[in-house]
Amino acid sequence: MKKRLVLVFSVIAFAFSATAQKSVKSMYLPIMIKNEDGSTGSYEIKKGDKLVYHVNAGGNEYDFIVTINQETPKGGLDFNYEMTNSNNTKGHVIISSNARYKATKYINYFRGGELNLTDAITVWMSYKNFGDMPGKKTTMQLDNNSPETFYRPEKDEVNPVVKIKGEDKKLDAFIINNAADGTGNKTMWINGISSNSLILKMELGFSIQLMEIK
């Protein structure tokens, strides 16, 4: 009986270990798609996918390109970026799991090089802020500005068209704005699922919008 129990526990331990390893290696970052019949589908972002954003900063236009590396073992995010600006700015960002889950501060300016975020987040909305959405408001700090309240207005659905692997797809997303009625001067569009709360668009005195996933 003792040998049998040891064998059973060994099998369970092996199965748990294999599952854990699979979970560490897997990545689940779905982009929500609104189909023409009203149903919802998804595209799962993969390692190596390039997210191409178009930026307009005071008439200075260029692309900001995010290349997905991985979700880190504890649930953080790892990506490279490059810009088609005059400086050809390039860098590498790691968002820690703590930042991805708990951060309320957002970094929106990049100077190139390595950036390791442990208490701030970028490109994605944190789980903390996304989790506030049922209450229709959340507090966020943008760069070094004072924290402010963003609201999910009554008419919050938005369906931007993004080219995904060469095909135009209508996304399923929602709006937040720094005024409860949606008329404030700061707006974000967020992919509509907590496991991939990707920021699709921002208007914060400059504009940046996801145009394509290659």
N, C-alpha and C. Protein backbone atom coordinates (compact mmCIF):
# COMPACT_ATOMS: atom_id res chain seq x y z
N MET A 1 0.83 -1.20 0.00
CA MET A 1 0.00 0.00 0.00
C MET A 1 0.87 1.26 0.00
N LYS A 2 1.95 1.23 0.83
CA LYS A 2 2.83 2.38 0.91
C LYS A 2 3.45 2.70 -0.44
N LYS A 3 3.91 1.65 -1.15
CA LYS A 3 4.51 1.87 -2.47
C LYS A 3 3.50 2.44 -3.45
N ARG A 4 2.26 1.97 -3.36
CA ARG A 4 1.22 2.45 -4.26
C ARG A 4 0.95 3.94 -4.01
N LEU A 5 0.90 4.33 -2.71
CA LEU A 5 0.65 5.73 -2.38
C LEU A 5 1.79 6.62 -2.90
N VAL A 6 3.01 6.14 -2.71
CA VAL A 6 4.16 6.91 -3.20
C VAL A 6 4.07 7.09 -4.71
N LEU A 7 3.68 6.03 -5.43
CA LEU A 7 3.55 6.09 -6.88
C LEU A 7 2.47 7.08 -7.28
N VAL A 8 1.32 7.03 -6.58
CA VAL A 8 0.21 7.94 -6.89
C VAL A 8 0.64 9.39 -6.70
N PHE A 9 1.30 9.67 -5.55
CA PHE A 9 1.73 11.04 -5.28
C PHE A 9 2.79 11.49 -6.28
N SER A 10 3.63 10.57 -6.72
CA SER A 10 4.65 10.91 -7.72
C SER A 10 4.00 11.29 -9.04
N VAL A 11 2.96 10.55 -9.43
CA VAL A 11 2.24 10.85 -10.67
C VAL A 11 1.57 12.21 -10.57
N ILE A 12 0.93 12.47 -9.42
CA ILE A 12 0.27 13.77 -9.22
C ILE A 12 1.29 14.90 -9.27
N ALA A 13 2.43 14.71 -8.60
CA ALA A 13 3.47 15.74 -8.59
C ALA A 13 3.99 16.01 -9.99
N PHE A 14 4.19 14.93 -10.78
CA PHE A 14 4.66 15.09 -12.16
C PHE A 14 3.64 15.85 -12.99
N ALA A 15 2.36 15.49 -12.83
CA ALA A 15 1.30 16.15 -13.60
C ALA A 15 1.23 17.62 -13.23
N PHE A 16 1.33 17.92 -11.92
CA PHE A 16 1.29 19.31 -11.48
C PHE A 16 2.48 20.10 -12.03
N SER A 17 3.68 19.46 -11.98
CA SER A 17 4.87 20.11 -12.49
C SER A 17 4.76 20.39 -13.98
N ALA A 18 4.23 19.43 -14.73
CA ALA A 18 4.08 19.61 -16.19
C ALA A 18 3.09 20.73 -16.48
N THR A 19 1.99 20.76 -15.70
CA THR A 19 0.99 21.81 -15.90
C THR A 19 1.58 23.17 -15.58
N ALA A 20 2.36 23.22 -14.48
CA ALA A 20 2.96 24.49 -14.09
C ALA A 20 3.92 24.98 -15.15
N GLN A 21 4.73 24.05 -15.70
CA GLN A 21 5.68 24.45 -16.74
C GLN A 21 4.95 24.93 -17.98
N LYS A 22 3.87 24.25 -18.33
CA LYS A 22 3.09 24.67 -19.49
C LYS A 22 2.51 26.05 -19.26
N SER A 23 2.01 26.28 -18.02
CA SER A 23 1.42 27.56 -17.71
C SER A 23 2.43 28.69 -17.78
N VAL A 24 3.69 28.39 -17.32
CA VAL A 24 4.72 29.41 -17.36
C VAL A 24 5.07 29.77 -18.80
N LYS A 25 5.11 28.76 -19.67
CA LYS A 25 5.54 29.00 -21.05
C LYS A 25 4.43 29.57 -21.92
N SER A 26 3.18 29.39 -21.51
CA SER A 26 2.08 29.83 -22.36
C SER A 26 1.86 31.33 -22.22
N MET A 27 1.18 31.91 -23.20
CA MET A 27 0.88 33.33 -23.19
C MET A 27 -0.56 33.49 -23.65
N TYR A 28 -1.33 34.22 -22.89
CA TYR A 28 -2.74 34.40 -23.24
C TYR A 28 -3.05 35.89 -23.27
N LEU A 29 -3.00 36.47 -24.47
CA LEU A 29 -3.25 37.90 -24.66
C LEU A 29 -4.24 38.07 -25.81
N PRO A 30 -5.53 37.80 -25.56
CA PRO A 30 -6.52 37.87 -26.63
C PRO A 30 -6.93 39.31 -26.96
N ILE A 31 -7.04 39.58 -28.24
CA ILE A 31 -7.65 40.82 -28.73
C ILE A 31 -9.10 40.50 -29.07
N MET A 32 -10.01 41.25 -28.49
CA MET A 32 -11.43 40.95 -28.69
C MET A 32 -11.93 41.54 -30.00
N ILE A 33 -12.59 40.70 -30.80
CA ILE A 33 -13.06 41.08 -32.14
C ILE A 33 -14.58 41.07 -32.17
N LYS A 34 -15.15 42.11 -32.73
CA LYS A 34 -16.61 42.22 -32.89
C LYS A 34 -16.96 41.76 -34.30
N ASN A 35 -17.62 40.63 -34.41
CA ASN A 35 -17.99 40.10 -35.72
C ASN A 35 -19.20 40.83 -36.29
N GLU A 36 -19.38 40.70 -37.59
CA GLU A 36 -20.46 41.41 -38.26
C GLU A 36 -21.84 40.99 -37.77
N ASP A 37 -21.97 39.74 -37.30
CA ASP A 37 -23.26 39.27 -36.80
C ASP A 37 -23.50 39.65 -35.35
N GLY A 38 -22.59 40.43 -34.78
CA GLY A 38 -22.75 40.88 -33.40
C GLY A 38 -22.08 39.99 -32.37
N SER A 39 -21.64 38.81 -32.79
CA SER A 39 -20.94 37.91 -31.87
C SER A 39 -19.51 38.40 -31.65
N THR A 40 -18.86 37.84 -30.64
CA THR A 40 -17.50 38.24 -30.29
C THR A 40 -16.53 37.08 -30.52
N GLY A 41 -15.41 37.36 -31.17
CA GLY A 41 -14.35 36.39 -31.34
C GLY A 41 -13.07 36.97 -30.76
N SER A 42 -11.95 36.36 -31.07
CA SER A 42 -10.69 36.89 -30.56
C SER A 42 -9.52 36.47 -31.43
N TYR A 43 -8.44 37.24 -31.33
CA TYR A 43 -7.15 36.88 -31.90
C TYR A 43 -6.16 36.86 -30.74
N GLU A 44 -5.42 35.78 -30.58
CA GLU A 44 -4.46 35.68 -29.49
C GLU A 44 -3.09 36.18 -29.95
N ILE A 45 -2.63 37.24 -29.31
CA ILE A 45 -1.30 37.78 -29.60
C ILE A 45 -0.24 36.74 -29.27
N LYS A 46 0.73 36.60 -30.16
CA LYS A 46 1.77 35.59 -30.00
C LYS A 46 3.14 36.26 -29.84
N LYS A 47 4.08 35.49 -29.33
CA LYS A 47 5.46 35.95 -29.25
C LYS A 47 5.94 36.35 -30.63
N GLY A 48 6.55 37.52 -30.74
CA GLY A 48 7.05 38.00 -32.02
C GLY A 48 6.08 38.88 -32.77
N ASP A 49 4.81 38.91 -32.36
CA ASP A 49 3.85 39.81 -33.00
C ASP A 49 4.27 41.26 -32.79
N LYS A 50 4.03 42.06 -33.83
CA LYS A 50 4.35 43.48 -33.77
C LYS A 50 3.06 44.29 -33.72
N LEU A 51 2.93 45.12 -32.70
CA LEU A 51 1.77 46.00 -32.55
C LEU A 51 2.19 47.39 -33.03
N VAL A 52 1.59 47.83 -34.12
CA VAL A 52 2.00 49.09 -34.75
C VAL A 52 1.02 50.19 -34.36
N TYR A 53 1.50 51.15 -33.58
CA TYR A 53 0.71 52.32 -33.17
C TYR A 53 1.14 53.53 -33.99
N HIS A 54 0.19 54.38 -34.34
CA HIS A 54 0.54 55.64 -34.99
C HIS A 54 0.43 56.77 -33.98
N VAL A 55 1.45 57.60 -33.94
CA VAL A 55 1.54 58.69 -32.98
C VAL A 55 1.46 60.03 -33.70
N ASN A 56 0.71 60.96 -33.11
CA ASN A 56 0.70 62.35 -33.58
C ASN A 56 0.93 63.22 -32.36
N ALA A 57 2.14 63.78 -32.27
CA ALA A 57 2.51 64.62 -31.14
C ALA A 57 2.79 66.02 -31.65
N GLY A 58 1.79 66.87 -31.60
CA GLY A 58 1.94 68.26 -32.06
C GLY A 58 2.30 68.36 -33.53
N GLY A 59 1.75 67.47 -34.34
CA GLY A 59 2.03 67.46 -35.76
C GLY A 59 3.22 66.60 -36.15
N ASN A 60 3.96 66.13 -35.17
CA ASN A 60 5.08 65.22 -35.43
C ASN A 60 4.52 63.80 -35.44
N GLU A 61 4.50 63.18 -36.62
CA GLU A 61 3.87 61.87 -36.77
C GLU A 61 4.92 60.78 -37.01
N TYR A 62 4.73 59.67 -36.33
CA TYR A 62 5.61 58.52 -36.49
C TYR A 62 4.92 57.29 -35.93
N ASP A 63 5.53 56.13 -36.13
CA ASP A 63 4.98 54.87 -35.59
C ASP A 63 5.74 54.46 -34.34
N PHE A 64 5.02 53.89 -33.42
CA PHE A 64 5.56 53.29 -32.20
C PHE A 64 5.24 51.80 -32.30
N ILE A 65 6.27 50.97 -32.41
CA ILE A 65 6.08 49.55 -32.72
C ILE A 65 6.52 48.70 -31.52
N VAL A 66 5.57 47.94 -30.99
CA VAL A 66 5.82 47.06 -29.85
C VAL A 66 5.97 45.63 -30.35
N THR A 67 7.08 44.99 -30.04
CA THR A 67 7.30 43.57 -30.38
C THR A 67 7.18 42.74 -29.11
N ILE A 68 6.22 41.84 -29.10
CA ILE A 68 5.94 41.05 -27.90
C ILE A 68 7.00 39.97 -27.73
N ASN A 69 7.61 39.93 -26.55
CA ASN A 69 8.56 38.88 -26.23
C ASN A 69 7.91 37.75 -25.44
N GLN A 70 7.28 38.08 -24.33
CA GLN A 70 6.68 37.04 -23.51
C GLN A 70 5.89 37.64 -22.35
N GLU A 71 5.05 36.80 -21.76
CA GLU A 71 4.58 37.04 -20.41
C GLU A 71 5.60 36.39 -19.50
N THR A 72 6.04 37.09 -18.46
CA THR A 72 7.04 36.54 -17.57
C THR A 72 6.41 35.44 -16.69
N PRO A 73 7.24 34.56 -16.09
CA PRO A 73 6.69 33.43 -15.32
C PRO A 73 5.67 33.82 -14.26
N LYS A 74 5.80 35.01 -13.66
CA LYS A 74 4.87 35.41 -12.60
C LYS A 74 3.76 36.32 -13.11
N GLY A 75 3.67 36.48 -14.43
CA GLY A 75 2.56 37.25 -14.99
C GLY A 75 2.88 38.67 -15.39
N GLY A 76 4.17 39.00 -15.48
CA GLY A 76 4.55 40.31 -16.00
C GLY A 76 4.58 40.29 -17.52
N LEU A 77 5.08 41.35 -18.11
CA LEU A 77 5.11 41.48 -19.57
C LEU A 77 6.48 41.96 -20.01
N ASP A 78 6.92 41.48 -21.17
CA ASP A 78 8.25 41.77 -21.68
C ASP A 78 8.11 42.10 -23.16
N PHE A 79 8.58 43.29 -23.56
CA PHE A 79 8.50 43.66 -24.98
C PHE A 79 9.63 44.59 -25.37
N ASN A 80 9.93 44.60 -26.66
CA ASN A 80 10.82 45.58 -27.25
C ASN A 80 9.97 46.64 -27.95
N TYR A 81 10.55 47.81 -28.13
CA TYR A 81 9.84 48.84 -28.90
C TYR A 81 10.83 49.59 -29.79
N GLU A 82 10.28 50.15 -30.83
CA GLU A 82 11.05 51.02 -31.71
C GLU A 82 10.12 52.10 -32.26
N MET A 83 10.70 53.23 -32.58
CA MET A 83 9.93 54.34 -33.15
C MET A 83 10.52 54.72 -34.50
N THR A 84 9.65 55.17 -35.37
CA THR A 84 10.11 55.64 -36.68
C THR A 84 10.31 57.15 -36.66
N ASN A 85 10.63 57.70 -35.49
CA ASN A 85 10.89 59.13 -35.39
C ASN A 85 12.31 59.45 -35.87
N SER A 86 12.67 60.70 -35.81
CA SER A 86 13.97 61.11 -36.36
C SER A 86 15.14 60.49 -35.59
N ASN A 87 14.91 60.12 -34.32
CA ASN A 87 15.98 59.52 -33.52
C ASN A 87 16.02 57.99 -33.62
N ASN A 88 15.01 57.42 -34.30
CA ASN A 88 14.90 55.95 -34.36
C ASN A 88 15.04 55.32 -32.97
N THR A 89 14.29 55.86 -32.02
CA THR A 89 14.37 55.44 -30.63
C THR A 89 14.01 53.96 -30.48
N LYS A 90 14.83 53.23 -29.72
CA LYS A 90 14.58 51.81 -29.49
C LYS A 90 14.80 51.49 -28.02
N GLY A 91 14.10 50.45 -27.53
CA GLY A 91 14.29 50.06 -26.15
C GLY A 91 13.64 48.74 -25.82
N HIS A 92 13.81 48.36 -24.57
CA HIS A 92 13.29 47.09 -24.05
C HIS A 92 12.62 47.38 -22.71
N VAL A 93 11.40 46.85 -22.53
CA VAL A 93 10.63 47.11 -21.32
C VAL A 93 10.22 45.80 -20.67
N ILE A 94 10.40 45.72 -19.36
CA ILE A 94 9.83 44.64 -18.56
C ILE A 94 8.87 45.25 -17.56
N ILE A 95 7.63 44.79 -17.59
CA ILE A 95 6.63 45.20 -16.60
C ILE A 95 6.51 44.06 -15.59
N SER A 96 6.83 44.32 -14.34
CA SER A 96 6.78 43.26 -13.33
C SER A 96 5.33 42.83 -13.08
N SER A 97 5.19 41.66 -12.50
CA SER A 97 3.83 41.19 -12.19
C SER A 97 3.16 42.12 -11.19
N ASN A 98 3.94 42.65 -10.24
CA ASN A 98 3.38 43.59 -9.26
C ASN A 98 2.82 44.82 -9.96
N ALA A 99 3.57 45.35 -10.93
CA ALA A 99 3.11 46.52 -11.67
C ALA A 99 1.89 46.19 -12.52
N ARG A 100 1.91 45.04 -13.17
CA ARG A 100 0.78 44.67 -14.02
C ARG A 100 -0.51 44.52 -13.22
N TYR A 101 -0.38 44.02 -12.00
CA TYR A 101 -1.56 43.79 -11.18
C TYR A 101 -1.99 45.04 -10.40
N LYS A 102 -1.02 45.81 -9.87
CA LYS A 102 -1.38 46.81 -8.86
C LYS A 102 -1.14 48.26 -9.26
N ALA A 103 -0.38 48.50 -10.32
CA ALA A 103 0.02 49.88 -10.63
C ALA A 103 -1.17 50.77 -10.97
N THR A 104 -1.06 52.02 -10.58
CA THR A 104 -2.02 53.04 -11.02
C THR A 104 -1.29 54.20 -11.70
N LYS A 105 0.04 54.08 -11.80
CA LYS A 105 0.83 55.09 -12.50
C LYS A 105 1.18 54.57 -13.89
N TYR A 106 1.12 55.48 -14.89
CA TYR A 106 1.33 55.10 -16.29
C TYR A 106 2.46 55.92 -16.90
N ILE A 107 3.34 55.20 -17.60
CA ILE A 107 4.47 55.82 -18.29
C ILE A 107 4.11 55.92 -19.78
N ASN A 108 4.17 57.13 -20.31
CA ASN A 108 3.78 57.34 -21.71
C ASN A 108 4.88 57.93 -22.57
N TYR A 109 6.05 58.16 -21.99
CA TYR A 109 7.16 58.73 -22.74
C TYR A 109 8.37 57.80 -22.62
N PHE A 110 9.02 57.54 -23.75
CA PHE A 110 10.14 56.61 -23.80
C PHE A 110 11.37 57.32 -24.37
N ARG A 111 12.50 57.08 -23.73
CA ARG A 111 13.75 57.72 -24.17
C ARG A 111 14.75 56.72 -24.75
N GLY A 112 14.34 55.46 -24.86
CA GLY A 112 15.24 54.44 -25.38
C GLY A 112 15.96 53.71 -24.26
N GLY A 113 16.50 52.54 -24.58
CA GLY A 113 17.26 51.77 -23.61
C GLY A 113 16.37 50.86 -22.77
N GLU A 114 16.90 50.39 -21.66
CA GLU A 114 16.22 49.45 -20.79
C GLU A 114 15.29 50.18 -19.82
N LEU A 115 14.12 49.60 -19.60
CA LEU A 115 13.16 50.15 -18.64
C LEU A 115 12.52 48.99 -17.89
N ASN A 116 12.74 48.95 -16.59
CA ASN A 116 12.20 47.88 -15.75
C ASN A 116 11.17 48.51 -14.81
N LEU A 117 9.90 48.25 -15.09
CA LEU A 117 8.81 48.88 -14.33
C LEU A 117 8.34 47.96 -13.22
N THR A 118 8.45 48.43 -12.00
CA THR A 118 8.03 47.64 -10.84
C THR A 118 6.81 48.24 -10.13
N ASP A 119 6.57 49.54 -10.35
CA ASP A 119 5.42 50.17 -9.70
C ASP A 119 4.63 51.06 -10.65
N ALA A 120 4.90 50.94 -11.93
CA ALA A 120 4.18 51.69 -12.97
C ALA A 120 4.00 50.77 -14.17
N ILE A 121 3.10 51.14 -15.04
CA ILE A 121 2.77 50.29 -16.19
C ILE A 121 2.70 51.14 -17.45
N THR A 122 2.73 50.50 -18.59
CA THR A 122 2.62 51.18 -19.87
C THR A 122 2.04 50.23 -20.90
N VAL A 123 1.43 50.78 -21.92
CA VAL A 123 0.84 50.05 -23.06
C VAL A 123 -0.42 49.26 -22.64
N TRP A 124 -0.43 48.70 -21.46
CA TRP A 124 -1.61 48.01 -20.93
C TRP A 124 -2.20 48.77 -19.75
N MET A 125 -3.49 48.59 -19.51
CA MET A 125 -4.11 49.03 -18.26
C MET A 125 -3.86 47.95 -17.21
N SER A 126 -3.59 48.35 -15.99
CA SER A 126 -3.34 47.38 -14.92
C SER A 126 -4.62 46.65 -14.54
N TYR A 127 -4.44 45.48 -13.92
CA TYR A 127 -5.60 44.73 -13.41
C TYR A 127 -6.34 45.56 -12.37
N LYS A 128 -5.60 46.33 -11.56
CA LYS A 128 -6.24 47.15 -10.53
C LYS A 128 -7.22 48.13 -11.17
N ASN A 129 -6.76 48.87 -12.17
CA ASN A 129 -7.65 49.85 -12.81
C ASN A 129 -8.76 49.17 -13.60
N PHE A 130 -8.44 48.08 -14.29
CA PHE A 130 -9.48 47.35 -15.04
C PHE A 130 -10.53 46.80 -14.07
N GLY A 131 -10.08 46.33 -12.92
CA GLY A 131 -11.00 45.77 -11.93
C GLY A 131 -11.96 46.78 -11.35
N ASP A 132 -11.61 48.07 -11.46
CA ASP A 132 -12.51 49.13 -10.98
C ASP A 132 -13.64 49.43 -11.96
N MET A 133 -13.56 48.89 -13.18
CA MET A 133 -14.49 49.28 -14.23
C MET A 133 -15.97 49.01 -13.92
N PRO A 134 -16.32 47.92 -13.22
CA PRO A 134 -17.74 47.76 -12.88
C PRO A 134 -18.30 48.93 -12.08
N GLY A 135 -17.43 49.63 -11.34
CA GLY A 135 -17.85 50.80 -10.59
C GLY A 135 -17.82 52.08 -11.42
N LYS A 136 -17.42 51.96 -12.70
CA LYS A 136 -17.47 53.06 -13.67
C LYS A 136 -16.45 54.18 -13.44
N LYS A 137 -15.50 54.00 -12.51
CA LYS A 137 -14.47 55.01 -12.35
C LYS A 137 -13.24 54.41 -11.69
N THR A 138 -12.09 55.04 -11.94
CA THR A 138 -10.84 54.56 -11.37
C THR A 138 -9.86 55.72 -11.31
N THR A 139 -8.87 55.62 -10.43
CA THR A 139 -7.87 56.68 -10.28
C THR A 139 -6.57 56.26 -10.95
N MET A 140 -6.03 57.15 -11.79
CA MET A 140 -4.82 56.87 -12.53
C MET A 140 -3.90 58.09 -12.47
N GLN A 141 -2.59 57.82 -12.46
CA GLN A 141 -1.60 58.88 -12.53
C GLN A 141 -0.84 58.76 -13.83
N LEU A 142 -0.90 59.77 -14.66
CA LEU A 142 -0.24 59.75 -15.96
C LEU A 142 1.11 60.44 -15.87
N ASP A 143 2.16 59.66 -16.02
CA ASP A 143 3.53 60.15 -15.91
C ASP A 143 3.71 60.84 -14.56
N ASN A 144 4.21 62.07 -14.53
CA ASN A 144 4.47 62.73 -13.26
C ASN A 144 3.36 63.72 -12.88
N ASN A 145 2.22 63.60 -13.53
CA ASN A 145 1.09 64.45 -13.19
C ASN A 145 0.41 63.95 -11.91
N SER A 146 -0.48 64.75 -11.37
CA SER A 146 -1.23 64.34 -10.17
C SER A 146 -2.21 63.24 -10.55
N PRO A 147 -2.52 62.35 -9.62
CA PRO A 147 -3.56 61.34 -9.89
C PRO A 147 -4.89 62.00 -10.21
N GLU A 148 -5.64 61.38 -11.12
CA GLU A 148 -6.96 61.90 -11.47
C GLU A 148 -7.92 60.76 -11.74
N THR A 149 -9.19 61.09 -11.68
CA THR A 149 -10.23 60.08 -11.87
C THR A 149 -10.60 59.97 -13.33
N PHE A 150 -10.63 58.72 -13.81
CA PHE A 150 -11.14 58.42 -15.15
C PHE A 150 -12.45 57.65 -15.00
N TYR A 151 -13.39 57.95 -15.89
CA TYR A 151 -14.73 57.38 -15.81
C TYR A 151 -15.03 56.54 -17.05
N ARG A 152 -15.89 55.57 -16.87
CA ARG A 152 -16.43 54.81 -17.99
C ARG A 152 -17.81 55.38 -18.28
N PRO A 153 -17.95 56.19 -19.34
CA PRO A 153 -19.23 56.88 -19.57
C PRO A 153 -20.35 55.92 -19.94
N GLU A 154 -21.56 56.45 -19.94
CA GLU A 154 -22.73 55.60 -20.23
C GLU A 154 -22.61 54.95 -21.60
N LYS A 155 -22.24 55.72 -22.61
CA LYS A 155 -22.01 55.17 -23.95
C LYS A 155 -20.52 54.90 -24.08
N ASP A 156 -20.13 53.70 -23.69
CA ASP A 156 -18.70 53.41 -23.56
C ASP A 156 -18.15 52.47 -24.63
N GLU A 157 -19.00 51.90 -25.46
CA GLU A 157 -18.51 50.93 -26.44
C GLU A 157 -17.88 51.63 -27.63
N VAL A 158 -16.77 51.07 -28.10
CA VAL A 158 -16.10 51.58 -29.28
C VAL A 158 -15.56 50.40 -30.06
N ASN A 159 -15.58 50.50 -31.38
CA ASN A 159 -15.18 49.38 -32.24
C ASN A 159 -14.18 49.83 -33.30
N PRO A 160 -12.95 50.15 -32.89
CA PRO A 160 -11.94 50.57 -33.87
C PRO A 160 -11.59 49.45 -34.82
N VAL A 161 -11.23 49.80 -36.04
CA VAL A 161 -10.81 48.81 -37.03
C VAL A 161 -9.29 48.74 -37.02
N VAL A 162 -8.76 47.54 -36.82
CA VAL A 162 -7.33 47.30 -36.78
C VAL A 162 -7.00 46.19 -37.77
N LYS A 163 -5.94 46.36 -38.51
CA LYS A 163 -5.51 45.32 -39.45
C LYS A 163 -4.75 44.25 -38.66
N ILE A 164 -5.27 43.02 -38.66
CA ILE A 164 -4.64 41.91 -37.94
C ILE A 164 -4.19 40.87 -38.95
N LYS A 165 -2.89 40.72 -39.06
CA LYS A 165 -2.30 39.77 -40.01
C LYS A 165 -2.86 39.98 -41.42
N GLY A 166 -2.98 41.25 -41.79
CA GLY A 166 -3.38 41.59 -43.15
C GLY A 166 -4.87 41.76 -43.37
N GLU A 167 -5.70 41.47 -42.36
CA GLU A 167 -7.16 41.58 -42.51
C GLU A 167 -7.71 42.62 -41.55
N ASP A 168 -8.61 43.46 -42.05
CA ASP A 168 -9.26 44.46 -41.20
C ASP A 168 -10.23 43.77 -40.24
N LYS A 169 -10.08 44.06 -38.96
CA LYS A 169 -10.95 43.49 -37.94
C LYS A 169 -11.51 44.62 -37.06
N LYS A 170 -12.78 44.51 -36.72
CA LYS A 170 -13.42 45.46 -35.83
C LYS A 170 -13.27 44.94 -34.40
N LEU A 171 -12.69 45.76 -33.54
CA LEU A 171 -12.41 45.31 -32.18
C LEU A 171 -13.56 45.65 -31.23
N ASP A 172 -13.59 44.92 -30.12
CA ASP A 172 -14.59 45.12 -29.08
C ASP A 172 -13.89 45.77 -27.89
N ALA A 173 -14.13 47.06 -27.69
CA ALA A 173 -13.38 47.81 -26.69
C ALA A 173 -14.30 48.80 -25.97
N PHE A 174 -13.74 49.46 -24.95
CA PHE A 174 -14.53 50.46 -24.23
C PHE A 174 -13.68 51.71 -23.98
N ILE A 175 -14.39 52.78 -23.67
CA ILE A 175 -13.77 54.09 -23.49
C ILE A 175 -13.70 54.43 -22.00
N ILE A 176 -12.59 55.08 -21.60
CA ILE A 176 -12.58 55.80 -20.34
C ILE A 176 -12.16 57.24 -20.63
N ASN A 177 -12.64 58.15 -19.79
CA ASN A 177 -12.44 59.58 -20.03
C ASN A 177 -12.34 60.28 -18.68
N ASN A 178 -11.66 61.41 -18.63
CA ASN A 178 -11.49 62.11 -17.36
C ASN A 178 -12.67 63.02 -17.01
N ALA A 179 -13.80 62.80 -17.66
CA ALA A 179 -15.07 63.42 -17.26
C ALA A 179 -16.15 62.35 -17.29
N ALA A 180 -17.06 62.39 -16.33
CA ALA A 180 -18.07 61.33 -16.20
C ALA A 180 -18.96 61.23 -17.43
N ASP A 181 -19.18 62.36 -18.13
CA ASP A 181 -20.04 62.32 -19.31
C ASP A 181 -19.26 62.06 -20.60
N GLY A 182 -17.96 61.82 -20.47
CA GLY A 182 -17.14 61.47 -21.64
C GLY A 182 -16.65 62.66 -22.44
N THR A 183 -16.82 63.87 -21.92
CA THR A 183 -16.44 65.07 -22.70
C THR A 183 -15.11 65.68 -22.22
N GLY A 184 -14.38 64.97 -21.38
CA GLY A 184 -13.10 65.50 -20.90
C GLY A 184 -12.04 65.52 -21.98
N ASN A 185 -10.88 66.05 -21.64
CA ASN A 185 -9.81 66.22 -22.63
C ASN A 185 -8.78 65.07 -22.64
N LYS A 186 -9.07 64.01 -21.88
CA LYS A 186 -8.18 62.85 -21.87
C LYS A 186 -9.02 61.58 -22.04
N THR A 187 -8.65 60.79 -23.03
CA THR A 187 -9.44 59.61 -23.38
C THR A 187 -8.53 58.42 -23.63
N MET A 188 -8.99 57.24 -23.23
CA MET A 188 -8.31 55.99 -23.58
C MET A 188 -9.35 54.99 -24.09
N TRP A 189 -8.93 54.15 -25.04
CA TRP A 189 -9.74 53.01 -25.48
C TRP A 189 -9.02 51.75 -25.02
N ILE A 190 -9.77 50.85 -24.39
CA ILE A 190 -9.19 49.67 -23.78
C ILE A 190 -9.78 48.40 -24.38
N ASN A 191 -8.92 47.45 -24.74
CA ASN A 191 -9.38 46.13 -25.19
C ASN A 191 -10.26 45.51 -24.10
N GLY A 192 -11.38 44.92 -24.52
CA GLY A 192 -12.42 44.57 -23.57
C GLY A 192 -12.29 43.24 -22.87
N ILE A 193 -11.10 42.90 -22.36
CA ILE A 193 -10.95 41.68 -21.57
C ILE A 193 -9.80 41.87 -20.58
N SER A 194 -10.01 41.44 -19.33
CA SER A 194 -9.03 41.73 -18.28
C SER A 194 -7.69 41.04 -18.51
N SER A 195 -7.70 39.86 -19.14
CA SER A 195 -6.44 39.12 -19.34
C SER A 195 -5.53 39.81 -20.36
N ASN A 196 -6.07 40.73 -21.13
CA ASN A 196 -5.25 41.51 -22.06
C ASN A 196 -5.83 42.91 -22.18
N SER A 197 -5.67 43.68 -21.12
CA SER A 197 -6.25 45.03 -21.07
C SER A 197 -5.36 46.02 -21.84
N LEU A 198 -5.11 45.69 -23.08
CA LEU A 198 -4.25 46.50 -23.95
C LEU A 198 -4.88 47.86 -24.21
N ILE A 199 -4.07 48.90 -24.13
CA ILE A 199 -4.55 50.23 -24.49
C ILE A 199 -4.49 50.36 -26.01
N LEU A 200 -5.65 50.60 -26.62
CA LEU A 200 -5.74 50.68 -28.07
C LEU A 200 -5.56 52.10 -28.60
N LYS A 201 -5.92 53.06 -27.77
CA LYS A 201 -5.82 54.46 -28.21
C LYS A 201 -5.73 55.36 -26.99
N MET A 202 -4.96 56.43 -27.12
CA MET A 202 -4.93 57.47 -26.10
C MET A 202 -4.95 58.84 -26.77
N GLU A 203 -5.71 59.74 -26.17
CA GLU A 203 -5.67 61.15 -26.53
C GLU A 203 -5.40 61.92 -25.25
N LEU A 204 -4.14 62.37 -25.11
CA LEU A 204 -3.70 62.97 -23.85
C LEU A 204 -2.90 64.25 -24.12
N GLY A 205 -3.35 65.02 -25.10
CA GLY A 205 -2.54 66.15 -25.55
C GLY A 205 -1.70 65.74 -26.74
N PHE A 206 -1.48 64.48 -26.89
CA PHE A 206 -0.95 63.83 -28.08
C PHE A 206 -1.86 62.64 -28.33
N SER A 207 -1.77 62.05 -29.52
CA SER A 207 -2.62 60.88 -29.80
C SER A 207 -1.75 59.71 -30.22
N ILE A 208 -2.19 58.53 -29.82
CA ILE A 208 -1.54 57.29 -30.22
C ILE A 208 -2.62 56.24 -30.38
N GLN A 209 -2.60 55.51 -31.50
CA GLN A 209 -3.65 54.54 -31.77
C GLN A 209 -3.09 53.31 -32.45
N LEU A 210 -3.54 52.14 -31.98
CA LEU A 210 -3.14 50.89 -32.61
C LEU A 210 -3.75 50.78 -34.00
N MET A 211 -2.91 50.56 -35.00
CA MET A 211 -3.36 50.49 -36.40
C MET A 211 -3.26 49.09 -36.97
N GLU A 212 -2.27 48.32 -36.48
CA GLU A 212 -2.03 47.02 -37.12
C GLU A 212 -1.31 46.08 -36.17
N ILE A 213 -1.62 44.78 -36.31
CA ILE A 213 -0.86 43.72 -35.65
C ILE A 213 -0.26 42.86 -36.76
N LYS A 214 1.07 42.82 -36.82
CA LYS A 214 1.77 42.07 -37.86
C LYS A 214 2.29 40.74 -37.31
